[in-house]
C-alpha atoms as a PDB file:
ATOM      1  CA  UNK A   1     -16.909  83.517  -9.064  1.00  0.00           C
ATOM      2  CA  UNK A   2     -14.488  80.416  -8.563  1.00  0.00           C
ATOM      3  CA  UNK A   3     -11.763  81.174 -10.745  1.00  0.00           C
ATOM      4  CA  UNK A   4     -10.126  78.291 -13.207  1.00  0.00           C
ATOM      5  CA  UNK A   5      -6.765  79.604 -12.922  1.00  0.00           C
ATOM      6  CA  UNK A   6      -4.508  81.273 -10.740  1.00  0.00           C
ATOM      7  CA  UNK A   7      -1.404  83.396 -11.841  1.00  0.00           C
ATOM      8  CA  UNK A   8       1.370  84.642  -8.769  1.00  0.00           C
ATOM      9  CA  UNK A   9       4.048  86.751 -10.600  1.00  0.00           C
ATOM     10  CA  UNK A  10       6.949  87.946  -9.768  1.00  0.00           C
ATOM     11  CA  UNK A  11       8.915  89.982 -11.847  1.00  0.00           C
ATOM     12  CA  UNK A  12      12.288  88.626  -9.846  1.00  0.00           C
ATOM     13  CA  UNK A  13      13.457  85.593  -8.305  1.00  0.00           C
ATOM     14  CA  UNK A  14      10.218  84.162  -7.454  1.00  0.00           C
ATOM     15  CA  UNK A  15      12.142  82.183  -4.409  1.00  0.00           C
ATOM     16  CA  UNK A  16      13.427  85.113  -2.750  1.00  0.00           C
ATOM     17  CA  UNK A  17       9.613  86.466  -2.389  1.00  0.00           C
ATOM     18  CA  UNK A  18       8.070  84.688   0.778  1.00  0.00           C
ATOM     19  CA  UNK A  19       5.034  86.809   0.675  1.00  0.00           C
ATOM     20  CA  UNK A  20       4.220  85.586  -2.904  1.00  0.00           C
ATOM     21  CA  UNK A  21       5.498  82.004  -2.342  1.00  0.00           C
ATOM     22  CA  UNK A  22       2.893  82.104   0.609  1.00  0.00           C
ATOM     23  CA  UNK A  23       0.087  83.620  -1.972  1.00  0.00           C
ATOM     24  CA  UNK A  24       0.774  80.684  -4.288  1.00  0.00           C
ATOM     25  CA  UNK A  25       0.886  77.675  -1.537  1.00  0.00           C
ATOM     26  CA  UNK A  26      -2.820  79.730   0.017  1.00  0.00           C
ATOM     27  CA  UNK A  27      -4.136  79.518  -3.271  1.00  0.00           C
ATOM     28  CA  UNK A  28      -2.971  76.191  -4.214  1.00  0.00           C
ATOM     29  CA  UNK A  29      -4.555  74.942  -0.601  1.00  0.00           C
ATOM     30  CA  UNK A  30      -7.495  76.864  -1.477  1.00  0.00           C
ATOM     31  CA  UNK A  31      -9.603  74.375  -3.529  1.00  0.00           C
ATOM     32  CA  UNK A  32     -10.960  77.299  -5.574  1.00  0.00           C
ATOM     33  CA  UNK A  33      -9.035  76.742  -8.409  1.00  0.00           C
ATOM     34  CA  UNK A  34      -8.027  73.830 -11.097  1.00  0.00           C
ATOM     35  CA  UNK A  35      -4.382  75.425 -11.270  1.00  0.00           C
ATOM     36  CA  UNK A  36      -1.772  77.818  -9.463  1.00  0.00           C
ATOM     37  CA  UNK A  37       1.120  78.909 -11.650  1.00  0.00           C
ATOM     38  CA  UNK A  38       4.197  80.690  -9.880  1.00  0.00           C
ATOM     39  CA  UNK A  39       6.008  83.237 -12.861  1.00  0.00           C
ATOM     40  CA  UNK A  40       9.271  84.966 -12.184  1.00  0.00           C
ATOM     41  CA  UNK A  41      12.590  84.505 -12.637  1.00  0.00           C
ATOM     42  CA  UNK A  42      14.629  81.346 -12.114  1.00  0.00           C
ATOM     43  CA  UNK A  43      17.047  81.177  -8.966  1.00  0.00           C
ATOM     44  CA  UNK A  44      16.242  80.224  -5.374  1.00  0.00           C
ATOM     45  CA  UNK A  45      14.144  77.033  -4.411  1.00  0.00           C
ATOM     46  CA  UNK A  46      10.849  77.374  -3.430  1.00  0.00           C
ATOM     47  CA  UNK A  47       8.929  76.441  -0.525  1.00  0.00           C
ATOM     48  CA  UNK A  48       9.126  72.566  -0.122  1.00  0.00           C
ATOM     49  CA  UNK A  49       5.001  72.457  -0.206  1.00  0.00           C
ATOM     50  CA  UNK A  50       5.451  74.205  -3.838  1.00  0.00           C
ATOM     51  CA  UNK A  51       8.380  72.323  -4.661  1.00  0.00           C
ATOM     52  CA  UNK A  52       6.130  69.243  -3.799  1.00  0.00           C
ATOM     53  CA  UNK A  53       3.083  69.906  -5.362  1.00  0.00           C
ATOM     54  CA  UNK A  54       5.172  70.498  -8.709  1.00  0.00           C
ATOM     55  CA  UNK A  55       6.286  67.461  -8.741  1.00  0.00           C
ATOM     56  CA  UNK A  56       3.063  65.764  -7.876  1.00  0.00           C
ATOM     57  CA  UNK A  57       1.466  68.073 -10.780  1.00  0.00           C
ATOM     58  CA  UNK A  58       4.315  66.165 -13.015  1.00  0.00           C
ATOM     59  CA  UNK A  59       3.803  62.887 -11.848  1.00  0.00           C
ATOM     60  CA  UNK A  60      -0.067  63.020 -11.533  1.00  0.00           C
ATOM     61  CA  UNK A  61      -0.905  63.605 -15.623  1.00  0.00           C
ATOM     62  CA  UNK A  62      -3.771  65.759 -14.271  1.00  0.00           C
ATOM     63  CA  UNK A  63      -6.675  64.902 -11.726  1.00  0.00           C
ATOM     64  CA  UNK A  64      -9.383  66.617  -9.569  1.00  0.00           C
ATOM     65  CA  UNK A  65      -6.944  68.220  -7.470  1.00  0.00           C
ATOM     66  CA  UNK A  66      -5.330  71.582  -8.034  1.00  0.00           C
ATOM     67  CA  UNK A  67      -2.276  71.274 -10.180  1.00  0.00           C
ATOM     68  CA  UNK A  68       0.643  73.640  -9.551  1.00  0.00           C
ATOM     69  CA  UNK A  69       3.810  74.437 -11.917  1.00  0.00           C
ATOM     70  CA  UNK A  70       6.214  76.695 -11.681  1.00  0.00           C
ATOM     71  CA  UNK A  71       7.411  78.897 -15.246  1.00  0.00           C
ATOM     72  CA  UNK A  72      10.700  80.429 -14.271  1.00  0.00           C
ATOM     73  CA  UNK A  73      13.228  82.229 -16.758  1.00  0.00           C
ATOM     74  CA  UNK A  74      16.076  84.079 -16.976  1.00  0.00           C
ATOM     75  CA  UNK A  75      15.918  88.053 -17.054  1.00  0.00           C
ATOM     76  CA  UNK A  76      17.107  90.277 -19.966  1.00  0.00           C
ATOM     77  CA  UNK A  77      20.981  91.048 -20.040  1.00  0.00           C
ATOM     78  CA  UNK A  78      21.739  94.338 -20.782  1.00  0.00           C
ATOM     79  CA  UNK A  79      24.267  94.157 -23.948  1.00  0.00           C
ATOM     80  CA  UNK A  80      27.835  94.928 -23.175  1.00  0.00           C
ATOM     81  CA  UNK A  81      27.645  97.549 -25.816  1.00  0.00           C
ATOM     82  CA  UNK A  82      25.605  99.785 -23.041  1.00  0.00           C
ATOM     83  CA  UNK A  83      28.151  98.674 -20.375  1.00  0.00           C
ATOM     84  CA  UNK A  84      29.781 102.028 -20.064  1.00  0.00           C
ATOM     85  CA  UNK A  85      28.931 104.028 -16.953  1.00  0.00           C
ATOM     86  CA  UNK A  86      27.751 107.239 -19.403  1.00  0.00           C
ATOM     87  CA  UNK A  87      25.471 105.300 -21.261  1.00  0.00           C
ATOM     88  CA  UNK A  88      23.785 103.743 -18.265  1.00  0.00           C
ATOM     89  CA  UNK A  89      20.102 105.892 -18.946  1.00  0.00           C
ATOM     90  CA  UNK A  90      20.252 103.659 -22.088  1.00  0.00           C
ATOM     91  CA  UNK A  91      21.041 100.654 -20.614  1.00  0.00           C
ATOM     92  CA  UNK A  92      17.659 101.098 -18.149  1.00  0.00           C
ATOM     93  CA  UNK A  93      15.429 102.066 -20.977  1.00  0.00           C
ATOM     94  CA  UNK A  94      16.786  98.894 -23.054  1.00  0.00           C
ATOM     95  CA  UNK A  95      16.148  96.746 -19.687  1.00  0.00           C
ATOM     96  CA  UNK A  96      13.110  97.867 -19.439  1.00  0.00           C
ATOM     97  CA  UNK A  97      11.457  97.681 -22.806  1.00  0.00           C
ATOM     98  CA  UNK A  98      13.333  93.941 -23.491  1.00  0.00           C
ATOM     99  CA  UNK A  99      11.872  93.176 -19.822  1.00  0.00           C
ATOM    100  CA  UNK A 100       8.660  94.572 -21.069  1.00  0.00           C
ATOM    101  CA  UNK A 101       8.579  92.454 -24.219  1.00  0.00           C
ATOM    102  CA  UNK A 102       9.565  89.157 -21.787  1.00  0.00           C
ATOM    103  CA  UNK A 103       6.851  89.879 -19.443  1.00  0.00           C
ATOM    104  CA  UNK A 104       4.235  90.485 -21.675  1.00  0.00           C
ATOM    105  CA  UNK A 105       4.696  87.108 -23.709  1.00  0.00           C
ATOM    106  CA  UNK A 106       5.066  85.158 -20.502  1.00  0.00           C
ATOM    107  CA  UNK A 107       2.266  86.400 -18.831  1.00  0.00           C
ATOM    108  CA  UNK A 108      -0.333  85.704 -22.095  1.00  0.00           C
ATOM    109  CA  UNK A 109       1.165  82.304 -22.746  1.00  0.00           C
ATOM    110  CA  UNK A 110       0.196  81.180 -19.069  1.00  0.00           C
ATOM    111  CA  UNK A 111      -3.091  83.355 -18.716  1.00  0.00           C
ATOM    112  CA  UNK A 112      -4.507  82.184 -22.287  1.00  0.00           C
ATOM    113  CA  UNK A 113      -3.741  78.987 -21.792  1.00  0.00           C
ATOM    114  CA  UNK A 114      -5.352  79.004 -17.756  1.00  0.00           C
ATOM    115  CA  UNK A 115      -8.276  80.605 -19.321  1.00  0.00           C
ATOM    116  CA  UNK A 116      -8.332  78.551 -21.910  1.00  0.00           C
ATOM    117  CA  UNK A 117     -11.741  76.932 -20.355  1.00  0.00           C
ATOM    118  CA  UNK A 118     -13.451  80.405 -20.198  1.00  0.00           C
ATOM    119  CA  UNK A 119     -12.882  80.948 -16.753  1.00  0.00           C
ATOM    120  CA  UNK A 120     -11.280  83.917 -15.019  1.00  0.00           C
ATOM    121  CA  UNK A 121      -8.296  83.947 -14.171  1.00  0.00           C
ATOM    122  CA  UNK A 122      -6.757  85.711 -11.088  1.00  0.00           C
ATOM    123  CA  UNK A 123      -3.441  87.691 -11.332  1.00  0.00           C
ATOM    124  CA  UNK A 124      -1.611  88.239  -8.656  1.00  0.00           C
ATOM    125  CA  UNK A 125       1.434  90.350  -8.952  1.00  0.00           C
ATOM    126  CA  UNK A 126       4.253  91.379  -6.642  1.00  0.00           C
ATOM    127  CA  UNK A 127       5.215  95.467  -6.674  1.00  0.00           C
ATOM    128  CA  UNK A 128       7.917  96.320  -7.380  1.00  0.00           C
ATOM    129  CA  UNK A 129       9.221  96.753  -9.830  1.00  0.00           C
ATOM    130  CA  UNK A 130       6.552  98.695 -11.565  1.00  0.00           C
ATOM    131  CA  UNK A 131       8.628  98.889 -14.410  1.00  0.00           C
ATOM    132  CA  UNK A 132       8.292  96.738 -16.610  1.00  0.00           C
ATOM    133  CA  UNK A 133       5.318  95.728 -14.403  1.00  0.00           C
ATOM    134  CA  UNK A 134       2.474  97.913 -14.574  1.00  0.00           C
ATOM    135  CA  UNK A 135       2.681  98.812 -18.599  1.00  0.00           C
ATOM    136  CA  UNK A 136       2.876  94.793 -19.437  1.00  0.00           C
ATOM    137  CA  UNK A 137      -0.280  94.647 -17.084  1.00  0.00           C
ATOM    138  CA  UNK A 138      -1.457  97.743 -19.303  1.00  0.00           C
ATOM    139  CA  UNK A 139      -0.793  95.777 -22.389  1.00  0.00           C
ATOM    140  CA  UNK A 140      -1.786  92.351 -21.416  1.00  0.00           C
ATOM    141  CA  UNK A 141      -5.657  92.264 -21.926  1.00  0.00           C
ATOM    142  CA  UNK A 142      -5.065  93.597 -25.780  1.00  0.00           C
ATOM    143  CA  UNK A 143      -2.292  91.080 -26.176  1.00  0.00           C
ATOM    144  CA  UNK A 144      -4.878  88.244 -24.856  1.00  0.00           C
ATOM    145  CA  UNK A 145      -7.777  89.546 -26.938  1.00  0.00           C
ATOM    146  CA  UNK A 146      -5.475  89.080 -29.790  1.00  0.00           C
ATOM    147  CA  UNK A 147      -4.171  85.680 -28.756  1.00  0.00           C
ATOM    148  CA  UNK A 148      -7.837  84.405 -28.426  1.00  0.00           C
ATOM    149  CA  UNK A 149      -9.027  85.381 -32.014  1.00  0.00           C
ATOM    150  CA  UNK A 150      -5.552  83.834 -33.414  1.00  0.00           C
ATOM    151  CA  UNK A 151      -6.297  80.495 -31.482  1.00  0.00           C
ATOM    152  CA  UNK A 152     -10.088  80.721 -33.343  1.00  0.00           C
ATOM    153  CA  UNK A 153     -11.571  81.788 -29.670  1.00  0.00           C
ATOM    154  CA  UNK A 154     -14.464  84.536 -28.814  1.00  0.00           C
ATOM    155  CA  UNK A 155     -12.232  87.926 -28.404  1.00  0.00           C
ATOM    156  CA  UNK A 156     -13.037  88.314 -24.749  1.00  0.00           C
ATOM    157  CA  UNK A 157     -12.702  84.862 -23.649  1.00  0.00           C
ATOM    158  CA  UNK A 158     -10.083  85.471 -21.416  1.00  0.00           C
ATOM    159  CA  UNK A 159     -11.365  87.111 -18.082  1.00  0.00           C
ATOM    160  CA  UNK A 160      -8.727  88.891 -16.073  1.00  0.00           C
ATOM    161  CA  UNK A 161      -9.121  89.818 -12.507  1.00  0.00           C
ATOM    162  CA  UNK A 162      -5.799  91.726 -11.489  1.00  0.00           C
ATOM    163  CA  UNK A 163      -4.663  92.130  -7.805  1.00  0.00           C
ATOM    164  CA  UNK A 164      -1.804  94.218  -7.345  1.00  0.00           C
ATOM    165  CA  UNK A 165       0.199  93.307  -4.088  1.00  0.00           C
ATOM    166  CA  UNK A 166       2.106  96.658  -3.279  1.00  0.00           C
ATOM    167  CA  UNK A 167       5.212  95.865  -1.311  1.00  0.00           C
ATOM    168  CA  UNK A 168       7.066  99.171  -1.935  1.00  0.00           C
ATOM    169  CA  UNK A 169       7.033 102.326  -4.168  1.00  0.00           C
ATOM    170  CA  UNK A 170       9.131 101.296  -6.991  1.00  0.00           C
ATOM    171  CA  UNK A 171      10.478 104.835  -7.703  1.00  0.00           C
ATOM    172  CA  UNK A 172      11.969 105.238  -4.191  1.00  0.00           C
ATOM    173  CA  UNK A 173      13.908 101.871  -5.197  1.00  0.00           C
ATOM    174  CA  UNK A 174      14.852 103.376  -8.848  1.00  0.00           C
ATOM    175  CA  UNK A 175      18.863 104.097  -9.385  1.00  0.00           C
ATOM    176  CA  UNK A 176      19.534 107.829 -10.361  1.00  0.00           C
ATOM    177  CA  UNK A 177      19.030 111.334  -9.432  1.00  0.00           C
ATOM    178  CA  UNK A 178      15.906 112.993  -8.464  1.00  0.00           C
ATOM    179  CA  UNK A 179      15.031 113.412 -12.403  1.00  0.00           C
ATOM    180  CA  UNK A 180      14.919 110.028 -13.073  1.00  0.00           C
ATOM    181  CA  UNK A 181      12.443 108.876  -9.693  1.00  0.00           C
ATOM    182  CA  UNK A 182      10.558 111.961 -10.381  1.00  0.00           C
ATOM    183  CA  UNK A 183       9.965 110.270 -14.255  1.00  0.00           C
ATOM    184  CA  UNK A 184       9.701 106.645 -12.360  1.00  0.00           C
ATOM    185  CA  UNK A 185       6.696 108.361 -10.353  1.00  0.00           C
ATOM    186  CA  UNK A 186       4.935 109.521 -12.825  1.00  0.00           C
ATOM    187  CA  UNK A 187       5.420 106.158 -14.915  1.00  0.00           C
ATOM    188  CA  UNK A 188       4.218 104.275 -12.007  1.00  0.00           C
ATOM    189  CA  UNK A 189       1.035 106.612 -10.993  1.00  0.00           C
ATOM    190  CA  UNK A 190       0.040 106.749 -14.561  1.00  0.00           C
ATOM    191  CA  UNK A 191       0.086 103.162 -15.511  1.00  0.00           C
ATOM    192  CA  UNK A 192      -1.769 102.346 -11.877  1.00  0.00           C
ATOM    193  CA  UNK A 193      -4.248 104.426 -13.096  1.00  0.00           C
ATOM    194  CA  UNK A 194      -4.802 103.530 -16.401  1.00  0.00           C
ATOM    195  CA  UNK A 195      -4.775 100.106 -15.412  1.00  0.00           C
ATOM    196  CA  UNK A 196      -8.012 100.659 -12.877  1.00  0.00           C
ATOM    197  CA  UNK A 197      -9.685 103.053 -14.504  1.00  0.00           C
ATOM    198  CA  UNK A 198      -9.736 103.433 -18.347  1.00  0.00           C
ATOM    199  CA  UNK A 199      -8.408  99.885 -19.716  1.00  0.00           C
ATOM    200  CA  UNK A 200     -11.746  97.703 -17.661  1.00  0.00           C
ATOM    201  CA  UNK A 201     -13.637 100.618 -19.905  1.00  0.00           C
ATOM    202  CA  UNK A 202     -12.373  99.305 -23.453  1.00  0.00           C
ATOM    203  CA  UNK A 203     -11.642  96.163 -22.235  1.00  0.00           C
ATOM    204  CA  UNK A 204     -14.687  94.084 -20.629  1.00  0.00           C
ATOM    205  CA  UNK A 205     -13.675  91.389 -18.594  1.00  0.00           C
ATOM    206  CA  UNK A 206     -11.372  92.758 -16.533  1.00  0.00           C
ATOM    207  CA  UNK A 207     -11.311  93.594 -12.604  1.00  0.00           C
ATOM    208  CA  UNK A 208      -8.409  95.184 -10.438  1.00  0.00           C
ATOM    209  CA  UNK A 209      -7.798  95.410  -7.486  1.00  0.00           C
ATOM    210  CA  UNK A 210      -4.884  96.251  -4.750  1.00  0.00           C
ATOM    211  CA  UNK A 211      -3.341  94.825  -1.386  1.00  0.00           C
ATOM    212  CA  UNK A 212      -1.137  96.603   0.215  1.00  0.00           C
ATOM    213  CA  UNK A 213       1.714  95.295   3.134  1.00  0.00           C
ATOM    214  CA  UNK A 214       0.885  97.891   5.468  1.00  0.00           C
ATOM    215  CA  UNK A 215      -1.927 100.491   6.674  1.00  0.00           C
ATOM    216  CA  UNK A 216       0.733 103.566   5.629  1.00  0.00           C
ATOM    217  CA  UNK A 217       1.328 102.221   1.965  1.00  0.00           C
ATOM    218  CA  UNK A 218      -2.458 101.789   1.389  1.00  0.00           C
ATOM    219  CA  UNK A 219      -3.032 104.956   2.096  1.00  0.00           C
ATOM    220  CA  UNK A 220      -0.328 106.060   0.161  1.00  0.00           C
ATOM    221  CA  UNK A 221      -1.463 104.603  -2.652  1.00  0.00           C
ATOM    222  CA  UNK A 222      -5.142 105.916  -2.401  1.00  0.00           C
ATOM    223  CA  UNK A 223      -4.242 109.489  -2.153  1.00  0.00           C
ATOM    224  CA  UNK A 224      -1.078 109.979  -4.197  1.00  0.00           C
ATOM    225  CA  UNK A 225      -2.350 107.326  -7.228  1.00  0.00           C
ATOM    226  CA  UNK A 226      -5.875 108.013  -6.767  1.00  0.00           C
ATOM    227  CA  UNK A 227      -6.552 103.956  -6.021  1.00  0.00           C
ATOM    228  CA  UNK A 228      -9.597 103.121  -4.823  1.00  0.00           C
ATOM    229  CA  UNK A 229      -9.766  99.011  -4.510  1.00  0.00           C
ATOM    230  CA  UNK A 230      -6.960  98.770  -1.719  1.00  0.00           C
ATOM    231  CA  UNK A 231      -7.297  96.337   1.148  1.00  0.00           C
ATOM    232  CA  UNK A 232      -4.265  95.887   3.787  1.00  0.00           C
ATOM    233  CA  UNK A 233      -2.819  92.299   4.161  1.00  0.00           C
ATOM    234  CA  UNK A 234       0.025  92.367   6.868  1.00  0.00           C
ATOM    235  CA  UNK A 235       2.769  89.560   6.444  1.00  0.00           C
ATOM    236  CA  UNK A 236       2.005  86.793   8.644  1.00  0.00           C
ATOM    237  CA  UNK A 237       4.768  83.850   9.532  1.00  0.00           C
ATOM    238  CA  UNK A 238       4.105  80.648   7.656  1.00  0.00           C
ATOM    239  CA  UNK A 239       2.852  77.215   8.886  1.00  0.00           C
ATOM    240  CA  UNK A 240       6.430  75.904   8.651  1.00  0.00           C
ATOM    241  CA  UNK A 241       7.351  78.552  11.063  1.00  0.00           C
ATOM    242  CA  UNK A 242       6.905  77.672  15.479  1.00  0.00           C
ATOM    243  CA  UNK A 243       8.077  79.658  18.148  1.00  0.00           C
ATOM    244  CA  UNK A 244      11.466  78.514  19.596  1.00  0.00           C
ATOM    245  CA  UNK A 245      10.935  76.555  23.117  1.00  0.00           C
ATOM    246  CA  UNK A 246      13.838  78.487  25.690  1.00  0.00           C
ATOM    247  CA  UNK A 247      17.177  76.194  26.552  1.00  0.00           C
ATOM    248  CA  UNK A 248      16.593  74.431  29.769  1.00  0.00           C
ATOM    249  CA  UNK A 249      18.879  76.676  32.487  1.00  0.00           C
ATOM    250  CA  UNK A 250      19.189  79.732  29.843  1.00  0.00           C
ATOM    251  CA  UNK A 251      18.479  83.237  31.255  1.00  0.00           C
ATOM    252  CA  UNK A 252      15.388  85.278  30.632  1.00  0.00           C
ATOM    253  CA  UNK A 253      15.698  86.608  26.699  1.00  0.00           C
ATOM    254  CA  UNK A 254      18.770  84.664  26.014  1.00  0.00           C
ATOM    255  CA  UNK A 255      18.676  83.360  22.412  1.00  0.00           C
END
């Protein structure tokens, strides 16, 4: 089924995630979507092709071609009150909760707007960070249901196809000791399992699948997290990359 809208989400600087930008560029060129949105933090510039597509969409006022927009925002800052080192655990909790609120609100906005015509919305999300990304995705279907009701639509009018792109394991990157990483691992596993198995049972219209950057990553999330629909998608260079021609007279292997 062709999707009406695609959202590529990075809870970080979109311009520093080449894989997700290539995803957005591929979706934009596929012809399967009415519009594509890149959602994430402000920072570095996007790929030239995405920048050009954004300018074209802004100037066209719609049309038959797929529209592209970038929705970028600043990450929530930690209050100065929580800056002392002994309050670092509280600062981490605050950052997760504040990030959860911001991400759910932003995702609800772009998904509700994109799925307003009744078509399904493809939501492609980078992991890590798993916190607060995975809890936000668990809450999102129910938030969208409330948004639909408030906008006078049928409660399940926004259908979601969520694809989690596993780049790494978030708990291995979590600052702190072994106990903190253990809590992060349990939260990551529980939320991934809830999103794949429990949420679709109580919220029809939600489909969840997974991508992994390596065979080892795919095998791990299948065995450790119990995830089922996992496809390996290896990184490949974009079309902008070309082989470097050797300089005339250079020794073999010389740069």
